[in-house]
């Protein structure tokens, strides 16, 4: 019985190593096929592969430009109504004219 557990572990380890090797090979193959700026002429001139071996369509035009740091203004225009989260109603305790305000507009006051 101990031999069968040992052989199972060996098989599991071999399968894991094979999976890692296959992944490494696949990644290396994909990296070498990408169209890098320093790629070989043959790689640059070869037609792009299509989906499931089908012929690909025309290549998309590409323009390159130097990146520039600048402000990008954002304007949002919309229709609707705005409702304040908190509201208050200010009433006088007595009837009469208001002669003076002892606060500035927007100033925080104690209740």
PDB file of N, CA and C in Angstrom:
ATOM      1  N   UNK A   1       0.811  -1.194   0.000  1.00  0.00           N
ATOM      2  CA  UNK A   1       0.000   0.000   0.000  1.00  0.00           C
ATOM      3  C   UNK A   1       0.853   1.256   0.000  1.00  0.00           C
ATOM      4  N   UNK A   2       1.950   1.248   0.754  1.00  0.00           N
ATOM      5  CA  UNK A   2       2.792   2.435   0.789  1.00  0.00           C
ATOM      6  C   UNK A   2       3.400   2.697  -0.576  1.00  0.00           C
ATOM      7  N   UNK A   3       3.647   1.667  -1.348  1.00  0.00           N
ATOM      8  CA  UNK A   3       4.202   1.833  -2.686  1.00  0.00           C
ATOM      9  C   UNK A   3       3.225   2.514  -3.620  1.00  0.00           C
ATOM     10  N   UNK A   4       1.926   2.228  -3.469  1.00  0.00           N
ATOM     11  CA  UNK A   4       0.935   2.842  -4.356  1.00  0.00           C
ATOM     12  C   UNK A   4       0.794   4.337  -4.067  1.00  0.00           C
ATOM     13  N   UNK A   5       0.873   4.746  -2.781  1.00  0.00           N
ATOM     14  CA  UNK A   5       0.829   6.170  -2.456  1.00  0.00           C
ATOM     15  C   UNK A   5       2.040   6.887  -3.032  1.00  0.00           C
ATOM     16  N   UNK A   6       3.192   6.240  -2.941  1.00  0.00           N
ATOM     17  CA  UNK A   6       4.420   6.837  -3.462  1.00  0.00           C
ATOM     18  C   UNK A   6       4.332   6.997  -4.974  1.00  0.00           C
ATOM     19  N   UNK A   7       3.812   5.995  -5.662  1.00  0.00           N
ATOM     20  CA  UNK A   7       3.714   6.084  -7.122  1.00  0.00           C
ATOM     21  C   UNK A   7       2.686   7.144  -7.533  1.00  0.00           C
ATOM     22  N   UNK A   8       1.624   7.314  -6.759  1.00  0.00           N
ATOM     23  CA  UNK A   8       0.651   8.361  -7.067  1.00  0.00           C
ATOM     24  C   UNK A   8       1.283   9.746  -6.935  1.00  0.00           C
ATOM     25  N   UNK A   9       2.069   9.953  -5.896  1.00  0.00           N
ATOM     26  CA  UNK A   9       2.745  11.232  -5.722  1.00  0.00           C
ATOM     27  C   UNK A   9       3.709  11.501  -6.868  1.00  0.00           C
ATOM     28  N   UNK A  10       4.414  10.485  -7.298  1.00  0.00           N
ATOM     29  CA  UNK A  10       5.350  10.653  -8.418  1.00  0.00           C
ATOM     30  C   UNK A  10       4.579  11.053  -9.674  1.00  0.00           C
ATOM     31  N   UNK A  11       3.440  10.415  -9.915  1.00  0.00           N
ATOM     32  CA  UNK A  11       2.636  10.734 -11.096  1.00  0.00           C
ATOM     33  C   UNK A  11       2.111  12.169 -11.005  1.00  0.00           C
ATOM     34  N   UNK A  12       1.639  12.569  -9.832  1.00  0.00           N
ATOM     35  CA  UNK A  12       1.136  13.932  -9.653  1.00  0.00           C
ATOM     36  C   UNK A  12       2.251  14.950  -9.901  1.00  0.00           C
ATOM     37  N   UNK A  13       3.425  14.701  -9.374  1.00  0.00           N
ATOM     38  CA  UNK A  13       4.552  15.624  -9.556  1.00  0.00           C
ATOM     39  C   UNK A  13       4.941  15.717 -11.026  1.00  0.00           C
ATOM     40  N   UNK A  14       4.973  14.591 -11.725  1.00  0.00           N
ATOM     41  CA  UNK A  14       5.320  14.591 -13.150  1.00  0.00           C
ATOM     42  C   UNK A  14       4.279  15.373 -13.954  1.00  0.00           C
ATOM     43  N   UNK A  15       3.000  15.193 -13.640  1.00  0.00           N
ATOM     44  CA  UNK A  15       1.944  15.920 -14.355  1.00  0.00           C
ATOM     45  C   UNK A  15       2.062  17.421 -14.102  1.00  0.00           C
ATOM     46  N   UNK A  16       2.331  17.826 -12.869  1.00  0.00           N
ATOM     47  CA  UNK A  16       2.475  19.245 -12.550  1.00  0.00           C
ATOM     48  C   UNK A  16       3.676  19.840 -13.285  1.00  0.00           C
ATOM     49  N   UNK A  17       4.793  19.132 -13.305  1.00  0.00           N
ATOM     50  CA  UNK A  17       5.982  19.619 -14.014  1.00  0.00           C
ATOM     51  C   UNK A  17       5.702  19.729 -15.508  1.00  0.00           C
ATOM     52  N   UNK A  18       4.988  18.759 -16.070  1.00  0.00           N
ATOM     53  CA  UNK A  18       4.649  18.807 -17.492  1.00  0.00           C
ATOM     54  C   UNK A  18       3.732  19.990 -17.790  1.00  0.00           C
ATOM     55  N   UNK A  19       2.780  20.273 -16.899  1.00  0.00           N
ATOM     56  CA  UNK A  19       1.879  21.406 -17.103  1.00  0.00           C
ATOM     57  C   UNK A  19       2.643  22.726 -17.048  1.00  0.00           C
ATOM     58  N   UNK A  20       3.562  22.848 -16.107  1.00  0.00           N
ATOM     59  CA  UNK A  20       4.369  24.068 -16.003  1.00  0.00           C
ATOM     60  C   UNK A  20       5.238  24.237 -17.241  1.00  0.00           C
ATOM     61  N   UNK A  21       5.851  23.159 -17.712  1.00  0.00           N
ATOM     62  CA  UNK A  21       6.690  23.231 -18.912  1.00  0.00           C
ATOM     63  C   UNK A  21       5.866  23.614 -20.136  1.00  0.00           C
ATOM     64  N   UNK A  22       4.658  23.057 -20.266  1.00  0.00           N
ATOM     65  CA  UNK A  22       3.802  23.391 -21.406  1.00  0.00           C
ATOM     66  C   UNK A  22       3.393  24.861 -21.356  1.00  0.00           C
ATOM     67  N   UNK A  23       3.051  25.358 -20.185  1.00  0.00           N
ATOM     68  CA  UNK A  23       2.682  26.766 -20.037  1.00  0.00           C
ATOM     69  C   UNK A  23       3.859  27.671 -20.384  1.00  0.00           C
ATOM     70  N   UNK A  24       5.042  27.338 -19.915  1.00  0.00           N
ATOM     71  CA  UNK A  24       6.241  28.127 -20.194  1.00  0.00           C
ATOM     72  C   UNK A  24       6.531  28.143 -21.691  1.00  0.00           C
ATOM     73  N   UNK A  25       6.406  26.998 -22.352  1.00  0.00           N
ATOM     74  CA  UNK A  25       6.639  26.915 -23.793  1.00  0.00           C
ATOM     75  C   UNK A  25       5.612  27.750 -24.542  1.00  0.00           C
ATOM     76  N   UNK A  26       4.351  27.672 -24.138  1.00  0.00           N
ATOM     77  CA  UNK A  26       3.280  28.412 -24.804  1.00  0.00           C
ATOM     78  C   UNK A  26       3.481  29.920 -24.648  1.00  0.00           C
ATOM     79  N   UNK A  27       3.867  30.367 -23.447  1.00  0.00           N
ATOM     80  CA  UNK A  27       4.111  31.791 -23.216  1.00  0.00           C
ATOM     81  C   UNK A  27       5.287  32.283 -24.052  1.00  0.00           C
ATOM     82  N   UNK A  28       6.358  31.537 -24.124  1.00  0.00           N
ATOM     83  CA  UNK A  28       7.516  31.918 -24.925  1.00  0.00           C
ATOM     84  C   UNK A  28       7.179  31.996 -26.395  1.00  0.00           C
ATOM     85  N   UNK A  29       6.343  31.099 -26.857  1.00  0.00           N
ATOM     86  CA  UNK A  29       5.939  31.084 -28.262  1.00  0.00           C
ATOM     87  C   UNK A  29       5.074  32.298 -28.583  1.00  0.00           C
ATOM     88  N   UNK A  30       4.165  32.666 -27.689  1.00  0.00           N
ATOM     89  CA  UNK A  30       3.318  33.837 -27.916  1.00  0.00           C
ATOM     90  C   UNK A  30       4.135  35.118 -27.888  1.00  0.00           C
ATOM     91  N   UNK A  31       5.119  35.215 -26.992  1.00  0.00           N
ATOM     92  CA  UNK A  31       5.952  36.412 -26.913  1.00  0.00           C
ATOM     93  C   UNK A  31       6.786  36.582 -28.173  1.00  0.00           C
ATOM     94  N   UNK A  32       7.278  35.491 -28.742  1.00  0.00           N
ATOM     95  CA  UNK A  32       8.113  35.596 -29.933  1.00  0.00           C
ATOM     96  C   UNK A  32       7.293  35.930 -31.162  1.00  0.00           C
ATOM     97  N   UNK A  33       5.991  35.649 -31.161  1.00  0.00           N
ATOM     98  CA  UNK A  33       5.157  35.923 -32.321  1.00  0.00           C
ATOM     99  C   UNK A  33       4.548  37.311 -32.300  1.00  0.00           C
ATOM    100  N   UNK A  34       4.645  38.016 -31.193  1.00  0.00           N
ATOM    101  CA  UNK A  34       4.053  39.353 -31.141  1.00  0.00           C
ATOM    102  C   UNK A  34       4.868  40.299 -32.005  1.00  0.00           C
ATOM    103  N   UNK A  35       4.207  41.294 -32.576  1.00  0.00           N
ATOM    104  CA  UNK A  35       4.867  42.238 -33.476  1.00  0.00           C
ATOM    105  C   UNK A  35       5.528  43.336 -32.662  1.00  0.00           C
ATOM    106  N   UNK A  36       6.718  43.067 -32.189  1.00  0.00           N
ATOM    107  CA  UNK A  36       7.469  44.042 -31.422  1.00  0.00           C
ATOM    108  C   UNK A  36       8.211  44.962 -32.383  1.00  0.00           C
ATOM    109  N   UNK A  37       8.633  46.151 -31.924  1.00  0.00           N
ATOM    110  CA  UNK A  37       9.338  47.058 -32.822  1.00  0.00           C
ATOM    111  C   UNK A  37      10.616  46.453 -33.391  1.00  0.00           C
ATOM    112  N   UNK A  38      11.297  45.607 -32.663  1.00  0.00           N
ATOM    113  CA  UNK A  38      12.533  45.007 -33.142  1.00  0.00           C
ATOM    114  C   UNK A  38      12.334  43.636 -33.751  1.00  0.00           C
ATOM    115  N   UNK A  39      11.151  43.300 -34.184  1.00  0.00           N
ATOM    116  CA  UNK A  39      10.881  41.977 -34.740  1.00  0.00           C
ATOM    117  C   UNK A  39      11.554  41.825 -36.092  1.00  0.00           C
ATOM    118  N   UNK A  40      11.754  40.577 -36.514  1.00  0.00           N
ATOM    119  CA  UNK A  40      12.404  40.306 -37.792  1.00  0.00           C
ATOM    120  C   UNK A  40      11.508  40.720 -38.940  1.00  0.00           C
ATOM    121  N   UNK A  41      12.106  40.903 -40.133  1.00  0.00           N
ATOM    122  CA  UNK A  41      11.320  41.298 -41.300  1.00  0.00           C
ATOM    123  C   UNK A  41      10.294  40.242 -41.648  1.00  0.00           C
ATOM    124  N   UNK A  42      10.676  38.981 -41.517  1.00  0.00           N
ATOM    125  CA  UNK A  42       9.745  37.903 -41.843  1.00  0.00           C
ATOM    126  C   UNK A  42       8.529  37.948 -40.922  1.00  0.00           C
ATOM    127  N   UNK A  43       8.750  38.226 -39.647  1.00  0.00           N
ATOM    128  CA  UNK A  43       7.639  38.288 -38.697  1.00  0.00           C
ATOM    129  C   UNK A  43       6.749  39.491 -38.976  1.00  0.00           C
ATOM    130  N   UNK A  44       7.361  40.612 -39.413  1.00  0.00           N
ATOM    131  CA  UNK A  44       6.563  41.799 -39.688  1.00  0.00           C
ATOM    132  C   UNK A  44       5.774  41.671 -40.979  1.00  0.00           C
ATOM    133  N   UNK A  45       6.304  40.934 -41.978  1.00  0.00           N
ATOM    134  CA  UNK A  45       5.649  40.827 -43.269  1.00  0.00           C
ATOM    135  C   UNK A  45       4.659  39.683 -43.342  1.00  0.00           C
ATOM    136  N   UNK A  46       4.691  38.776 -42.385  1.00  0.00           N
ATOM    137  CA  UNK A  46       3.781  37.637 -42.446  1.00  0.00           C
ATOM    138  C   UNK A  46       2.354  38.116 -42.202  1.00  0.00           C
ATOM    139  N   UNK A  47       1.378  37.516 -42.906  1.00  0.00           N
ATOM    140  CA  UNK A  47      -0.007  37.958 -42.729  1.00  0.00           C
ATOM    141  C   UNK A  47      -0.513  37.602 -41.341  1.00  0.00           C
ATOM    142  N   UNK A  48      -1.359  38.461 -40.822  1.00  0.00           N
ATOM    143  CA  UNK A  48      -1.929  38.213 -39.501  1.00  0.00           C
ATOM    144  C   UNK A  48      -2.913  37.062 -39.583  1.00  0.00           C
ATOM    145  N   UNK A  49      -2.888  36.199 -38.596  1.00  0.00           N
ATOM    146  CA  UNK A  49      -3.787  35.050 -38.593  1.00  0.00           C
ATOM    147  C   UNK A  49      -5.189  35.459 -38.217  1.00  0.00           C
ATOM    148  N   UNK A  50      -6.145  34.798 -38.815  1.00  0.00           N
ATOM    149  CA  UNK A  50      -7.531  35.096 -38.510  1.00  0.00           C
ATOM    150  C   UNK A  50      -8.059  34.157 -37.452  1.00  0.00           C
ATOM    151  N   UNK A  51      -9.335  34.198 -37.243  1.00  0.00           N
ATOM    152  CA  UNK A  51      -9.976  33.358 -36.244  1.00  0.00           C
ATOM    153  C   UNK A  51     -10.077  31.931 -36.766  1.00  0.00           C
ATOM    154  N   UNK A  52      -9.601  30.984 -36.021  1.00  0.00           N
ATOM    155  CA  UNK A  52      -9.637  29.555 -36.347  1.00  0.00           C
ATOM    156  C   UNK A  52      -9.045  29.266 -37.723  1.00  0.00           C
ATOM    157  N   UNK A  53      -7.910  29.884 -38.010  1.00  0.00           N
ATOM    158  CA  UNK A  53      -7.221  29.610 -39.256  1.00  0.00           C
ATOM    159  C   UNK A  53      -7.795  30.328 -40.455  1.00  0.00           C
ATOM    160  N   UNK A  54      -8.823  31.131 -40.265  1.00  0.00           N
ATOM    161  CA  UNK A  54      -9.410  31.872 -41.380  1.00  0.00           C
ATOM    162  C   UNK A  54      -8.490  33.034 -41.739  1.00  0.00           C
ATOM    163  N   UNK A  55      -8.621  33.508 -42.957  1.00  0.00           N
ATOM    164  CA  UNK A  55      -7.808  34.630 -43.393  1.00  0.00           C
ATOM    165  C   UNK A  55      -8.278  35.896 -42.670  1.00  0.00           C
ATOM    166  N   UNK A  56      -7.333  36.682 -42.220  1.00  0.00           N
ATOM    167  CA  UNK A  56      -7.655  37.898 -41.479  1.00  0.00           C
ATOM    168  C   UNK A  56      -8.055  39.007 -42.432  1.00  0.00           C
ATOM    169  N   UNK A  57      -8.767  39.977 -41.924  1.00  0.00           N
ATOM    170  CA  UNK A  57      -9.158  41.137 -42.711  1.00  0.00           C
ATOM    171  C   UNK A  57      -7.983  42.089 -42.862  1.00  0.00           C
ATOM    172  N   UNK A  58      -8.216  43.255 -43.441  1.00  0.00           N
ATOM    173  CA  UNK A  58      -7.133  44.217 -43.628  1.00  0.00           C
ATOM    174  C   UNK A  58      -6.631  44.729 -42.280  1.00  0.00           C
ATOM    175  N   UNK A  59      -5.366  45.131 -42.281  1.00  0.00           N
ATOM    176  CA  UNK A  59      -4.774  45.645 -41.056  1.00  0.00           C
ATOM    177  C   UNK A  59      -5.353  47.014 -40.727  1.00  0.00           C
ATOM    178  N   UNK A  60      -5.501  47.285 -39.463  1.00  0.00           N
ATOM    179  CA  UNK A  60      -6.037  48.570 -39.015  1.00  0.00           C
ATOM    180  C   UNK A  60      -4.934  49.623 -39.078  1.00  0.00           C
ATOM    181  N   UNK A  61      -5.222  50.827 -39.597  1.00  0.00           N
ATOM    182  CA  UNK A  61      -4.201  51.877 -39.630  1.00  0.00           C
ATOM    183  C   UNK A  61      -3.884  52.345 -38.214  1.00  0.00           C
ATOM    184  N   UNK A  62      -2.619  52.627 -37.978  1.00  0.00           N
ATOM    185  CA  UNK A  62      -2.164  53.019 -36.644  1.00  0.00           C
ATOM    186  C   UNK A  62      -1.332  54.281 -36.770  1.00  0.00           C
ATOM    187  N   UNK A  63      -1.522  55.213 -35.857  1.00  0.00           N
ATOM    188  CA  UNK A  63      -0.691  56.404 -35.793  1.00  0.00           C
ATOM    189  C   UNK A  63      -0.033  56.456 -34.430  1.00  0.00           C
ATOM    190  N   UNK A  64       1.212  56.885 -34.402  1.00  0.00           N
ATOM    191  CA  UNK A  64       1.937  57.025 -33.145  1.00  0.00           C
ATOM    192  C   UNK A  64       2.173  58.504 -32.885  1.00  0.00           C
ATOM    193  N   UNK A  65       2.092  58.897 -31.634  1.00  0.00           N
ATOM    194  CA  UNK A  65       2.322  60.295 -31.258  1.00  0.00           C
ATOM    195  C   UNK A  65       3.026  60.330 -29.916  1.00  0.00           C
ATOM    196  N   UNK A  66       3.735  61.409 -29.680  1.00  0.00           N
ATOM    197  CA  UNK A  66       4.422  61.590 -28.410  1.00  0.00           C
ATOM    198  C   UNK A  66       3.407  62.023 -27.357  1.00  0.00           C
ATOM    199  N   UNK A  67       3.496  61.431 -26.191  1.00  0.00           N
ATOM    200  CA  UNK A  67       2.577  61.770 -25.101  1.00  0.00           C
ATOM    201  C   UNK A  67       2.907  63.156 -24.557  1.00  0.00           C
ATOM    202  N   UNK A  68       1.875  63.952 -24.308  1.00  0.00           N
ATOM    203  CA  UNK A  68       2.036  65.306 -23.789  1.00  0.00           C
ATOM    204  C   UNK A  68       1.142  65.456 -22.568  1.00  0.00           C
ATOM    205  N   UNK A  69       1.696  66.025 -21.504  1.00  0.00           N
ATOM    206  CA  UNK A  69       0.895  66.261 -20.298  1.00  0.00           C
ATOM    207  C   UNK A  69       0.155  67.579 -20.459  1.00  0.00           C
ATOM    208  N   UNK A  70      -1.169  67.529 -20.329  1.00  0.00           N
ATOM    209  CA  UNK A  70      -1.975  68.731 -20.469  1.00  0.00           C
ATOM    210  C   UNK A  70      -3.292  68.549 -19.736  1.00  0.00           C
ATOM    211  N   UNK A  71      -3.974  69.647 -19.504  1.00  0.00           N
ATOM    212  CA  UNK A  71      -5.273  69.597 -18.831  1.00  0.00           C
ATOM    213  C   UNK A  71      -6.340  69.174 -19.834  1.00  0.00           C
ATOM    214  N   UNK A  72      -7.241  68.344 -19.396  1.00  0.00           N
ATOM    215  CA  UNK A  72      -8.352  67.911 -20.232  1.00  0.00           C
ATOM    216  C   UNK A  72      -9.633  68.417 -19.569  1.00  0.00           C
ATOM    217  N   UNK A  73     -10.225  69.486 -20.122  1.00  0.00           N
ATOM    218  CA  UNK A  73     -11.436  70.020 -19.491  1.00  0.00           C
ATOM    219  C   UNK A  73     -12.614  69.078 -19.675  1.00  0.00           C
ATOM    220  N   UNK A  74     -13.427  68.986 -18.639  1.00  0.00           N
ATOM    221  CA  UNK A  74     -14.618  68.138 -18.680  1.00  0.00           C
ATOM    222  C   UNK A  74     -15.832  68.986 -18.375  1.00  0.00           C
ATOM    223  N   UNK A  75     -16.791  68.960 -19.264  1.00  0.00           N
ATOM    224  CA  UNK A  75     -18.029  69.679 -19.050  1.00  0.00           C
ATOM    225  C   UNK A  75     -19.177  68.692 -19.156  1.00  0.00           C
ATOM    226  N   UNK A  76     -20.057  68.721 -18.199  1.00  0.00           N
ATOM    227  CA  UNK A  76     -21.240  67.878 -18.220  1.00  0.00           C
ATOM    228  C   UNK A  76     -22.467  68.771 -18.269  1.00  0.00           C
ATOM    229  N   UNK A  77     -23.325  68.505 -19.200  1.00  0.00           N
ATOM    230  CA  UNK A  77     -24.549  69.273 -19.336  1.00  0.00           C
ATOM    231  C   UNK A  77     -25.719  68.331 -19.138  1.00  0.00           C
ATOM    232  N   UNK A  78     -26.693  68.756 -18.365  1.00  0.00           N
ATOM    233  CA  UNK A  78     -27.839  67.891 -18.136  1.00  0.00           C
ATOM    234  C   UNK A  78     -29.054  68.686 -17.699  1.00  0.00           C
ATOM    235  N   UNK A  79     -30.182  68.053 -17.788  1.00  0.00           N
ATOM    236  CA  UNK A  79     -31.440  68.647 -17.358  1.00  0.00           C
ATOM    237  C   UNK A  79     -31.917  67.934 -16.106  1.00  0.00           C
ATOM    238  N   UNK A  80     -32.626  68.646 -15.256  1.00  0.00           N
ATOM    239  CA  UNK A  80     -33.172  68.004 -14.075  1.00  0.00           C
ATOM    240  C   UNK A  80     -33.362  68.998 -12.953  1.00  0.00           C
ATOM    241  N   UNK A  81     -33.658  68.473 -11.791  1.00  0.00           N
ATOM    242  CA  UNK A  81     -33.848  69.312 -10.616  1.00  0.00           C
ATOM    243  C   UNK A  81     -32.865  68.880  -9.548  1.00  0.00           C
ATOM    244  N   UNK A  82     -32.539  69.817  -8.689  1.00  0.00           N
ATOM    245  CA  UNK A  82     -31.616  69.549  -7.592  1.00  0.00           C
ATOM    246  C   UNK A  82     -32.371  69.754  -6.295  1.00  0.00           C
ATOM    247  N   UNK A  83     -32.242  68.830  -5.379  1.00  0.00           N
ATOM    248  CA  UNK A  83     -32.871  68.929  -4.071  1.00  0.00           C
ATOM    249  C   UNK A  83     -31.782  68.838  -3.012  1.00  0.00           C
ATOM    250  N   UNK A  84     -31.823  69.762  -2.068  1.00  0.00           N
ATOM    251  CA  UNK A  84     -30.831  69.763  -1.001  1.00  0.00           C
ATOM    252  C   UNK A  84     -31.053  68.576  -0.075  1.00  0.00           C
ATOM    253  N   UNK A  85     -29.964  68.053   0.465  1.00  0.00           N
ATOM    254  CA  UNK A  85     -30.061  66.930   1.394  1.00  0.00           C
ATOM    255  C   UNK A  85     -30.700  67.373   2.710  1.00  0.00           C
ATOM    256  N   UNK A  86     -30.349  68.568   3.178  1.00  0.00           N
ATOM    257  CA  UNK A  86     -30.904  69.114   4.424  1.00  0.00           C
ATOM    258  C   UNK A  86     -31.471  70.501   4.140  1.00  0.00           C
ATOM    259  N   UNK A  87     -32.644  70.776   4.659  1.00  0.00           N
ATOM    260  CA  UNK A  87     -33.250  72.097   4.488  1.00  0.00           C
ATOM    261  C   UNK A  87     -33.688  72.629   5.843  1.00  0.00           C
ATOM    262  N   UNK A  88     -33.908  73.941   5.897  1.00  0.00           N
ATOM    263  CA  UNK A  88     -34.360  74.569   7.126  1.00  0.00           C
ATOM    264  C   UNK A  88     -35.302  75.718   6.767  1.00  0.00           C
ATOM    265  N   UNK A  89     -36.286  75.947   7.613  1.00  0.00           N
ATOM    266  CA  UNK A  89     -37.198  77.073   7.435  1.00  0.00           C
ATOM    267  C   UNK A  89     -36.921  78.075   8.541  1.00  0.00           C
ATOM    268  N   UNK A  90     -36.642  79.318   8.158  1.00  0.00           N
ATOM    269  CA  UNK A  90     -36.343  80.365   9.136  1.00  0.00           C
ATOM    270  C   UNK A  90     -37.587  81.235   9.279  1.00  0.00           C
ATOM    271  N   UNK A  91     -38.116  81.347  10.506  1.00  0.00           N
ATOM    272  CA  UNK A  91     -39.296  82.177  10.801  1.00  0.00           C
ATOM    273  C   UNK A  91     -38.986  83.076  11.988  1.00  0.00           C
ATOM    274  N   UNK A  92     -39.603  84.210  11.980  1.00  0.00           N
ATOM    275  CA  UNK A  92     -39.429  85.099  13.135  1.00  0.00           C
ATOM    276  C   UNK A  92     -40.401  84.679  14.236  1.00  0.00           C
ATOM    277  N   UNK A  93     -40.041  84.979  15.464  1.00  0.00           N
ATOM    278  CA  UNK A  93     -40.912  84.636  16.586  1.00  0.00           C
ATOM    279  C   UNK A  93     -42.042  85.659  16.744  1.00  0.00           C
ATOM    280  N   UNK A  94     -41.787  86.859  16.253  1.00  0.00           N
ATOM    281  CA  UNK A  94     -42.797  87.923  16.361  1.00  0.00           C
ATOM    282  C   UNK A  94     -43.024  88.526  14.988  1.00  0.00           C
ATOM    283  N   UNK A  95     -44.169  89.159  14.813  1.00  0.00           N
ATOM    284  CA  UNK A  95     -44.450  89.846  13.557  1.00  0.00           C
ATOM    285  C   UNK A  95     -43.747  91.199  13.550  1.00  0.00           C
ATOM    286  N   UNK A  96     -43.338  91.645  12.381  1.00  0.00           N
ATOM    287  CA  UNK A  96     -42.723  92.961  12.267  1.00  0.00           C
ATOM    288  C   UNK A  96     -41.671  92.975  11.168  1.00  0.00           C
ATOM    289  N   UNK A  97     -41.040  94.136  11.022  1.00  0.00           N
ATOM    290  CA  UNK A  97     -40.016  94.288  10.004  1.00  0.00           C
ATOM    291  C   UNK A  97     -38.667  93.840  10.534  1.00  0.00           C
ATOM    292  N   UNK A  98     -37.852  93.326   9.627  1.00  0.00           N
ATOM    293  CA  UNK A  98     -36.483  92.935   9.951  1.00  0.00           C
ATOM    294  C   UNK A  98     -35.600  94.147   9.701  1.00  0.00           C
ATOM    295  N   UNK A  99     -34.994  94.678  10.740  1.00  0.00           N
ATOM    296  CA  UNK A  99     -34.217  95.911  10.628  1.00  0.00           C
ATOM    297  C   UNK A  99     -32.749  95.647  10.301  1.00  0.00           C
ATOM    298  N   UNK A 100     -32.170  94.539  10.795  1.00  0.00           N
ATOM    299  CA  UNK A 100     -30.744  94.282  10.555  1.00  0.00           C
ATOM    300  C   UNK A 100     -30.478  92.778  10.595  1.00  0.00           C
ATOM    301  N   UNK A 101     -29.430  92.372   9.875  1.00  0.00           N
ATOM    302  CA  UNK A 101     -28.972  90.977   9.915  1.00  0.00           C
ATOM    303  C   UNK A 101     -27.650  90.950  10.668  1.00  0.00           C
ATOM    304  N   UNK A 102     -27.540  90.103  11.657  1.00  0.00           N
ATOM    305  CA  UNK A 102     -26.314  90.018  12.435  1.00  0.00           C
ATOM    306  C   UNK A 102     -25.496  88.791  12.034  1.00  0.00           C
ATOM    307  N   UNK A 103     -25.556  88.467  10.747  1.00  0.00           N
ATOM    308  CA  UNK A 103     -24.730  87.383  10.208  1.00  0.00           C
ATOM    309  C   UNK A 103     -24.518  87.641   8.724  1.00  0.00           C
ATOM    310  N   UNK A 104     -23.513  86.992   8.164  1.00  0.00           N
ATOM    311  CA  UNK A 104     -23.202  87.099   6.733  1.00  0.00           C
ATOM    312  C   UNK A 104     -23.797  85.890   6.017  1.00  0.00           C
ATOM    313  N   UNK A 105     -24.132  86.052   4.756  1.00  0.00           N
ATOM    314  CA  UNK A 105     -24.686  84.948   3.979  1.00  0.00           C
ATOM    315  C   UNK A 105     -23.639  83.836   3.878  1.00  0.00           C
ATOM    316  N   UNK A 106     -24.050  82.616   4.174  1.00  0.00           N
ATOM    317  CA  UNK A 106     -23.148  81.467   4.131  1.00  0.00           C
ATOM    318  C   UNK A 106     -22.408  81.210   5.427  1.00  0.00           C
ATOM    319  N   UNK A 107     -22.532  82.093   6.410  1.00  0.00           N
ATOM    320  CA  UNK A 107     -21.840  81.944   7.685  1.00  0.00           C
ATOM    321  C   UNK A 107     -22.514  80.860   8.518  1.00  0.00           C
ATOM    322  N   UNK A 108     -21.725  80.078   9.260  1.00  0.00           N
ATOM    323  CA  UNK A 108     -22.253  79.066  10.162  1.00  0.00           C
ATOM    324  C   UNK A 108     -22.783  79.762  11.413  1.00  0.00           C
ATOM    325  N   UNK A 109     -23.985  79.418  11.825  1.00  0.00           N
ATOM    326  CA  UNK A 109     -24.580  80.014  13.017  1.00  0.00           C
ATOM    327  C   UNK A 109     -24.998  78.908  13.973  1.00  0.00           C
ATOM    328  N   UNK A 110     -25.074  79.252  15.250  1.00  0.00           N
ATOM    329  CA  UNK A 110     -25.526  78.281  16.244  1.00  0.00           C
ATOM    330  C   UNK A 110     -27.041  78.263  16.263  1.00  0.00           C
ATOM    331  N   UNK A 111     -27.608  77.106  16.493  1.00  0.00           N
ATOM    332  CA  UNK A 111     -29.072  76.974  16.516  1.00  0.00           C
ATOM    333  C   UNK A 111     -29.615  77.420  17.847  1.00  0.00           C
TER     334      UNK A 111
END
